[in-house]
Structures are given as structure tokens and as C-alpha cells.
Amino acid sequence: MNIELRFFASVREQLGVAGERAEIPGDVRTVGELRQWLRTRGGAWAETLAEGRALRMAVDHAVARPDTAIAEGCEVAFFPPVTGG
């Protein structure tokens, strides 16, 4: 399955990339599984996307949970939680 990945703010800075088109394995079906799969890249990927780190995710511009399904051609974004004031 091919998807678009986008990384914003400190996530982008830590990974050193703003986005990429990725071919992911067929057994990766949710945002949580995608996050886990990306961590297998090691290094900054494992650290930045580590389990337990505060991180927000979106699929096709809608806020997503770890169990949100992903599909061919979708866009998945990772970004830090933000606050306003």
C-alpha cells in the first residue's frame, strides 16, 4: 500500500524530513501500526515516534487515534500536541 507521510513542527525537525511517499507492508492497517512500523527504521525514528511520547496523528486532515484505519493513497500526518492561549 502506498501512502503520503507528513511530519510537522518538532517531529519534522527531529526526523529531518517534512514528508515522503511510502510503500508500507500489507499487515500495517492502522495509524498505530504505521507508527510502530516507522519506529523499526531505528535512530531518530524510534526515538521521535516512541510509544508513550505525546504525539498527534491525522488521516486525510482528520484527527486520528491509533486504531484509525489507513487506506491506499491516504495522507497520514504526525505532529506534536499544541496548545493555545
Protein backbone atom coordinates (compact mmCIF):
# COMPACT_ATOMS: atom_id res chain seq x y z
CA MET A 1 0.00 0.00 0.00
CA ASN A 2 1.30 3.49 -0.86
CA ILE A 3 0.57 6.44 1.42
CA GLU A 4 1.76 10.02 1.90
CA LEU A 5 3.51 10.80 5.17
CA ARG A 6 3.73 14.33 6.56
CA PHE A 7 5.71 15.48 9.60
CA PHE A 8 5.22 18.85 11.29
CA ALA A 9 6.98 21.12 13.79
CA SER A 10 9.37 19.35 16.20
CA VAL A 11 8.59 15.94 14.64
CA ARG A 12 9.84 17.26 11.28
CA GLU A 13 12.91 18.77 12.92
CA GLN A 14 13.81 15.57 14.78
CA LEU A 15 13.34 13.34 11.73
CA GLY A 16 14.95 15.76 9.29
CA VAL A 17 12.19 15.29 6.72
CA ALA A 18 8.88 17.05 6.06
CA GLY A 19 7.25 14.20 4.19
CA GLU A 20 7.61 11.24 1.91
CA ARG A 21 5.64 8.78 -0.16
CA ALA A 22 5.99 5.36 1.45
CA GLU A 23 5.14 1.84 0.48
CA ILE A 24 4.06 0.06 3.62
CA PRO A 25 3.53 -3.66 4.26
CA GLY A 26 0.04 -5.08 3.84
CA ASP A 27 -0.21 -6.02 7.51
CA VAL A 28 0.03 -2.33 8.53
CA ARG A 29 -3.62 -1.30 8.61
CA THR A 30 -3.96 1.37 11.31
CA VAL A 31 -2.23 4.58 12.35
CA GLY A 32 -0.87 2.84 15.45
CA GLU A 33 0.57 0.00 13.38
CA LEU A 34 2.08 2.56 11.00
CA ARG A 35 3.73 4.39 13.88
CA GLN A 36 5.12 1.08 15.16
CA TRP A 37 6.39 0.14 11.68
CA LEU A 38 8.10 3.53 11.23
CA ARG A 39 9.92 3.03 14.55
CA THR A 40 11.65 -0.02 13.07
CA ARG A 41 13.72 2.41 10.98
CA GLY A 42 15.67 2.98 14.19
CA GLY A 43 17.59 6.04 15.34
CA ALA A 44 15.61 9.28 15.32
CA TRP A 45 12.55 7.40 14.03
CA ALA A 46 12.47 5.08 17.04
CA GLU A 47 13.04 7.95 19.46
CA THR A 48 10.66 10.50 17.91
CA LEU A 49 7.79 8.04 17.41
CA ALA A 50 8.38 6.08 20.62
CA GLU A 51 5.44 4.57 22.45
CA GLY A 52 4.33 6.87 25.25
CA ARG A 53 5.60 10.07 23.62
CA ALA A 54 2.95 12.75 23.25
CA LEU A 55 2.18 12.78 19.55
CA ARG A 56 -0.88 13.67 17.49
CA MET A 57 -1.81 11.99 14.25
CA ALA A 58 -4.22 12.76 11.42
CA VAL A 59 -5.50 10.82 8.42
CA ASP A 60 -6.58 12.91 5.44
CA HIS A 61 -6.70 16.04 7.63
CA ALA A 62 -8.91 14.48 10.34
CA VAL A 63 -7.54 13.82 13.82
CA ALA A 64 -6.85 10.11 14.21
CA ARG A 65 -6.50 7.59 17.00
CA PRO A 66 -4.10 4.64 16.95
CA ASP A 67 -6.94 2.37 15.78
CA THR A 68 -7.89 4.63 12.85
CA ALA A 69 -7.70 2.69 9.59
CA ILE A 70 -5.40 3.75 6.77
CA ALA A 71 -6.00 3.06 3.09
CA GLU A 72 -4.20 3.23 -0.24
CA GLY A 73 -3.31 6.80 -1.16
CA CYS A 74 -4.22 8.37 2.18
CA GLU A 75 -2.19 11.07 3.87
CA VAL A 76 -1.02 10.44 7.44
CA ALA A 77 0.42 13.31 9.43
CA PHE A 78 2.37 13.25 12.70
CA PHE A 79 2.73 16.38 14.83
CA PRO A 80 3.30 17.37 18.45
CA PRO A 81 0.34 18.34 20.63
CA VAL A 82 -0.28 22.06 20.50
CA THR A 83 -1.80 24.48 22.98
CA GLY A 84 -3.24 27.88 22.52
CA GLY A 85 -3.68 30.80 24.76
